[in-house]
Amino acid sequence: MPPTDVRTAPTEFLDLFGEGMTGDLLEGTADDLLDGVRTPWEPVRTPVGTFQLIPIRLDRDLPLVHAWMNDPAVAEFWELAGPRHRTADHLRAQLDGDGRSVPCLGVLDGTPMSYWEIYRADLDPLALHCPVLPHDTGIHLLLGAAGDRGRGLGSALLRAVADLILDRRPACARVVAEPDHRNTPSLAAFLGAGFRYAAEVDLPDKRAALMIRDRVLRDVL
């Protein structure tokens, strides 16, 4: 299974985003759940280059994301390998949803090189399995190319994205993640990005390591 399942939107969040909206924030929407990540957020300087999250557009980005999902090293933990429609269904569930989870490309110095999901952890199935705080914001990440793994990019980009979330979402006190507890490279990347290993959590599809970056410890870790 992918990191978390995308649930059907509750009634109070239905129809926030119109049919066919795949990245742009609807003008005048008052209840944007992630404070504008769909617009998208601005590029930032990082130690590894200029980085930006670009909301996924299915017609443009599906072939690339599908190829990444079929990399065996990715498929082991995301479990979205297979025909293109399987990846499309996973993306479309978020794009057509209420905005609680936004899929993005990570673009480094102009090159798409990673896939991200920024999500409201307090509105996610994760909240059924461990304590979360209002406005806790979650991250899922995969690095697309094998050559980008194992050389510190993950930590640098995770820190940058966590900082973006804390800067753009003042109500968010914690950035959280729940990688598979067996995924040692992922755990090392989160620890290197200033997250702490808070607990192990049994989710329906995996045993996860709950990683947390606290706003109050932002300048310490």
Protein backbone atom coordinates (compact mmCIF):
# COMPACT_ATOMS: atom_id res chain seq x y z
CA MET A 1 0.00 0.00 0.00
CA PRO A 2 1.09 3.63 -0.47
CA PRO A 3 2.07 5.54 2.70
CA THR A 4 -1.53 6.37 3.61
CA ASP A 5 -4.87 5.77 1.98
CA VAL A 6 -6.76 8.79 0.67
CA ARG A 7 -10.21 8.79 2.25
CA THR A 8 -13.42 10.11 0.79
CA ALA A 9 -13.95 13.73 1.73
CA PRO A 10 -16.35 14.41 4.61
CA THR A 11 -19.47 16.39 3.80
CA GLU A 12 -18.19 19.70 5.16
CA PHE A 13 -15.26 19.67 2.74
CA LEU A 14 -17.08 18.54 -0.41
CA ASP A 15 -17.09 20.79 -3.46
CA LEU A 16 -14.27 23.04 -2.23
CA PHE A 17 -12.45 22.40 -5.48
CA GLY A 18 -14.22 22.26 -8.82
CA GLU A 19 -14.16 19.45 -11.35
CA GLY A 20 -10.92 19.42 -13.31
CA MET A 21 -8.91 21.45 -10.80
CA THR A 22 -5.54 19.70 -10.65
CA GLY A 23 -3.22 22.27 -9.13
CA ASP A 24 -4.53 25.83 -9.03
CA LEU A 25 -6.27 27.09 -5.93
CA LEU A 26 -9.85 28.11 -6.63
CA GLU A 27 -10.16 31.87 -6.50
CA GLY A 28 -12.01 32.96 -3.40
CA THR A 29 -11.82 29.64 -1.57
CA ALA A 30 -11.84 30.41 2.15
CA ASP A 31 -11.10 26.93 3.44
CA ASP A 32 -7.79 26.04 1.82
CA LEU A 33 -6.59 23.28 4.11
CA LEU A 34 -2.87 23.68 3.41
CA ASP A 35 -2.48 27.46 3.17
CA GLY A 36 -1.86 27.77 -0.52
CA VAL A 37 0.42 24.88 -1.47
CA ARG A 38 -1.77 24.41 -4.56
CA THR A 39 -0.77 27.85 -5.88
CA PRO A 40 2.28 26.76 -5.53
CA TRP A 41 4.67 27.93 -2.80
CA GLU A 42 7.69 29.98 -3.80
CA PRO A 43 11.10 28.45 -4.66
CA VAL A 44 13.68 28.35 -1.87
CA ARG A 45 17.45 28.25 -1.75
CA THR A 46 18.90 25.09 -0.21
CA PRO A 47 22.47 23.81 0.22
CA VAL A 48 21.92 21.59 -2.83
CA GLY A 49 20.31 24.14 -5.15
CA THR A 50 17.10 26.07 -5.76
CA PHE A 51 14.08 23.93 -4.93
CA GLN A 52 10.35 24.30 -5.49
CA LEU A 53 7.27 22.18 -4.93
CA ILE A 54 5.11 22.22 -8.07
CA PRO A 55 1.60 20.77 -7.70
CA ILE A 56 1.10 17.71 -9.90
CA ARG A 57 -0.73 18.14 -13.19
CA LEU A 58 -1.89 14.73 -14.32
CA ASP A 59 -1.60 15.28 -18.08
CA ARG A 60 1.96 16.57 -17.72
CA ASP A 61 3.42 14.55 -14.85
CA LEU A 62 1.84 11.09 -14.89
CA PRO A 63 4.49 9.40 -17.10
CA LEU A 64 7.33 10.54 -14.85
CA VAL A 65 5.65 9.65 -11.56
CA HIS A 66 4.53 6.29 -12.99
CA ALA A 67 8.11 5.48 -13.98
CA TRP A 68 9.34 6.30 -10.49
CA MET A 69 6.65 4.16 -8.87
CA ASN A 70 7.87 1.20 -10.94
CA ASP A 71 11.43 1.46 -9.67
CA PRO A 72 11.82 -1.65 -7.44
CA ALA A 73 13.43 0.38 -4.65
CA VAL A 74 10.41 2.70 -4.60
CA ALA A 75 7.80 0.00 -5.15
CA GLU A 76 9.00 -1.92 -2.09
CA PHE A 77 7.55 0.75 0.18
CA TRP A 78 4.97 2.61 -1.93
CA GLU A 79 3.43 -0.50 -3.55
CA LEU A 80 2.12 1.46 -6.54
CA ALA A 81 4.04 -0.41 -9.25
CA GLY A 82 2.02 -1.70 -12.17
CA PRO A 83 -0.03 -0.17 -14.98
CA ARG A 84 -0.23 3.58 -15.44
CA HIS A 85 -3.85 3.76 -14.30
CA ARG A 86 -2.83 2.61 -10.83
CA THR A 87 -0.58 5.63 -10.37
CA ALA A 88 -3.21 7.85 -12.02
CA ASP A 89 -5.89 6.66 -9.60
CA HIS A 90 -3.63 7.44 -6.63
CA LEU A 91 -2.92 10.95 -7.88
CA ARG A 92 -6.48 11.66 -9.00
CA ALA A 93 -7.89 10.74 -5.57
CA GLN A 94 -5.90 13.64 -4.14
CA LEU A 95 -6.36 16.07 -7.03
CA ASP A 96 -10.13 15.60 -7.01
CA GLY A 97 -10.37 15.57 -3.22
CA ASP A 98 -10.95 18.32 -0.69
CA GLY A 99 -7.36 19.54 -0.51
CA ARG A 100 -6.25 17.68 2.60
CA SER A 101 -3.45 16.03 0.57
CA VAL A 102 -1.62 17.74 -2.31
CA PRO A 103 0.72 15.73 -4.60
CA CYS A 104 3.71 17.69 -5.91
CA LEU A 105 6.82 17.36 -8.00
CA GLY A 106 10.03 18.45 -6.34
CA VAL A 107 12.00 20.53 -8.85
CA LEU A 108 15.68 21.11 -8.12
CA ASP A 109 17.50 23.69 -10.26
CA GLY A 110 14.79 23.34 -12.89
CA THR A 111 14.76 19.52 -13.00
CA PRO A 112 11.86 17.41 -11.63
CA MET A 113 13.58 14.88 -9.39
CA SER A 114 11.23 13.88 -6.56
CA TYR A 115 7.60 13.25 -5.67
CA TRP A 116 6.00 14.69 -2.54
CA GLU A 117 2.66 14.55 -0.78
CA ILE A 118 1.92 17.36 1.66
CA TYR A 119 -1.07 16.42 3.80
CA ARG A 120 -3.08 17.39 6.85
CA ALA A 121 -2.14 14.68 9.34
CA ASP A 122 -5.00 15.64 11.64
CA LEU A 123 -7.47 14.90 8.79
CA ASP A 124 -5.67 11.75 7.64
CA PRO A 125 -6.17 8.09 8.63
CA LEU A 126 -2.91 8.48 10.59
CA ALA A 127 -4.95 10.35 13.22
CA LEU A 128 -6.87 7.14 13.95
CA HIS A 129 -3.68 5.36 15.04
CA CYS A 130 -1.59 7.89 16.97
CA PRO A 131 -2.04 11.23 18.74
CA VAL A 132 -1.93 14.20 16.41
CA LEU A 133 -2.40 17.91 17.00
CA PRO A 134 -4.67 20.27 15.06
CA HIS A 135 -2.92 21.40 11.89
CA ASP A 136 -0.13 18.80 12.13
CA THR A 137 1.17 18.61 8.57
CA GLY A 138 2.58 15.44 7.04
CA ILE A 139 5.18 14.68 4.37
CA HIS A 140 5.60 11.72 2.04
CA LEU A 141 8.67 11.75 -0.21
CA LEU A 142 10.39 9.67 -2.85
CA LEU A 143 13.54 10.56 -4.76
CA GLY A 144 13.04 9.58 -8.38
CA ALA A 145 16.50 8.76 -9.69
CA ALA A 146 18.72 6.15 -8.06
CA GLY A 147 21.67 8.53 -8.43
CA ASP A 148 19.93 11.07 -6.18
CA ARG A 149 19.69 8.63 -3.29
CA GLY A 150 22.27 8.10 -0.60
CA ARG A 151 24.12 11.39 -1.00
CA GLY A 152 22.34 13.71 1.38
CA LEU A 153 19.72 15.20 -0.96
CA GLY A 154 16.86 13.71 1.04
CA SER A 155 17.89 15.38 4.30
CA ALA A 156 18.53 18.74 2.66
CA LEU A 157 15.19 18.77 0.86
CA LEU A 158 13.20 17.44 3.81
CA ARG A 159 14.58 20.23 5.98
CA ALA A 160 13.73 22.79 3.30
CA VAL A 161 10.17 21.53 2.88
CA ALA A 162 9.61 21.30 6.64
CA ASP A 163 10.80 24.90 6.93
CA LEU A 164 8.44 25.91 4.12
CA ILE A 165 5.53 24.30 5.93
CA LEU A 166 6.37 26.00 9.22
CA ASP A 167 6.82 29.35 7.46
CA ARG A 168 3.65 29.14 5.39
CA ARG A 169 1.41 27.44 7.98
CA PRO A 170 1.62 29.44 11.23
CA ALA A 171 -1.03 27.23 12.86
CA CYS A 172 1.13 24.14 12.36
CA ALA A 173 3.23 23.27 15.42
CA ARG A 174 4.65 20.00 14.03
CA VAL A 175 5.64 18.48 10.72
CA VAL A 176 5.23 14.71 10.82
CA ALA A 177 6.03 11.67 8.71
CA GLU A 178 5.42 7.93 9.01
CA PRO A 179 7.94 6.00 6.89
CA ASP A 180 8.10 2.23 7.12
CA HIS A 181 10.22 1.37 10.16
CA ARG A 182 12.36 -0.92 7.95
CA ASN A 183 13.28 1.88 5.56
CA THR A 184 16.63 2.75 7.09
CA PRO A 185 17.73 5.28 4.43
CA SER A 186 14.45 7.17 4.83
CA LEU A 187 14.76 7.24 8.63
CA ALA A 188 18.33 8.54 8.33
CA ALA A 189 17.18 11.29 5.96
CA PHE A 190 14.47 12.45 8.37
CA LEU A 191 16.86 12.42 11.33
CA GLY A 192 19.36 14.43 9.29
CA ALA A 193 16.62 16.96 8.53
CA GLY A 194 15.92 17.72 12.19
CA PHE A 195 13.09 15.26 12.79
CA ARG A 196 13.01 13.15 15.93
CA TYR A 197 12.04 9.48 16.13
CA ALA A 198 8.95 9.72 18.34
CA ALA A 199 7.45 6.22 18.33
CA GLU A 200 6.58 3.16 16.28
CA VAL A 201 2.97 3.02 15.12
CA ASP A 202 0.99 0.08 13.77
CA LEU A 203 -0.90 1.25 10.68
CA PRO A 204 -3.19 -0.99 8.62
CA ASP A 205 -0.55 -1.55 5.93
CA LYS A 206 2.76 -1.26 7.80
CA ARG A 207 4.59 -0.67 11.03
CA ALA A 208 5.69 2.94 10.79
CA ALA A 209 8.24 5.13 12.49
CA LEU A 210 6.57 8.34 13.60
CA MET A 211 9.00 11.15 12.80
CA ILE A 212 8.29 14.66 14.13
CA ARG A 213 9.87 18.04 13.55
CA ASP A 214 8.69 20.44 16.23
CA ARG A 215 8.40 24.15 15.58
CA VAL A 216 9.82 24.87 19.06
CA LEU A 217 12.93 22.80 18.26
CA ARG A 218 13.34 24.18 14.75
CA ASP A 219 16.53 26.10 15.56
CA VAL A 220 17.96 23.33 17.74
CA LEU A 221 17.78 20.18 15.60
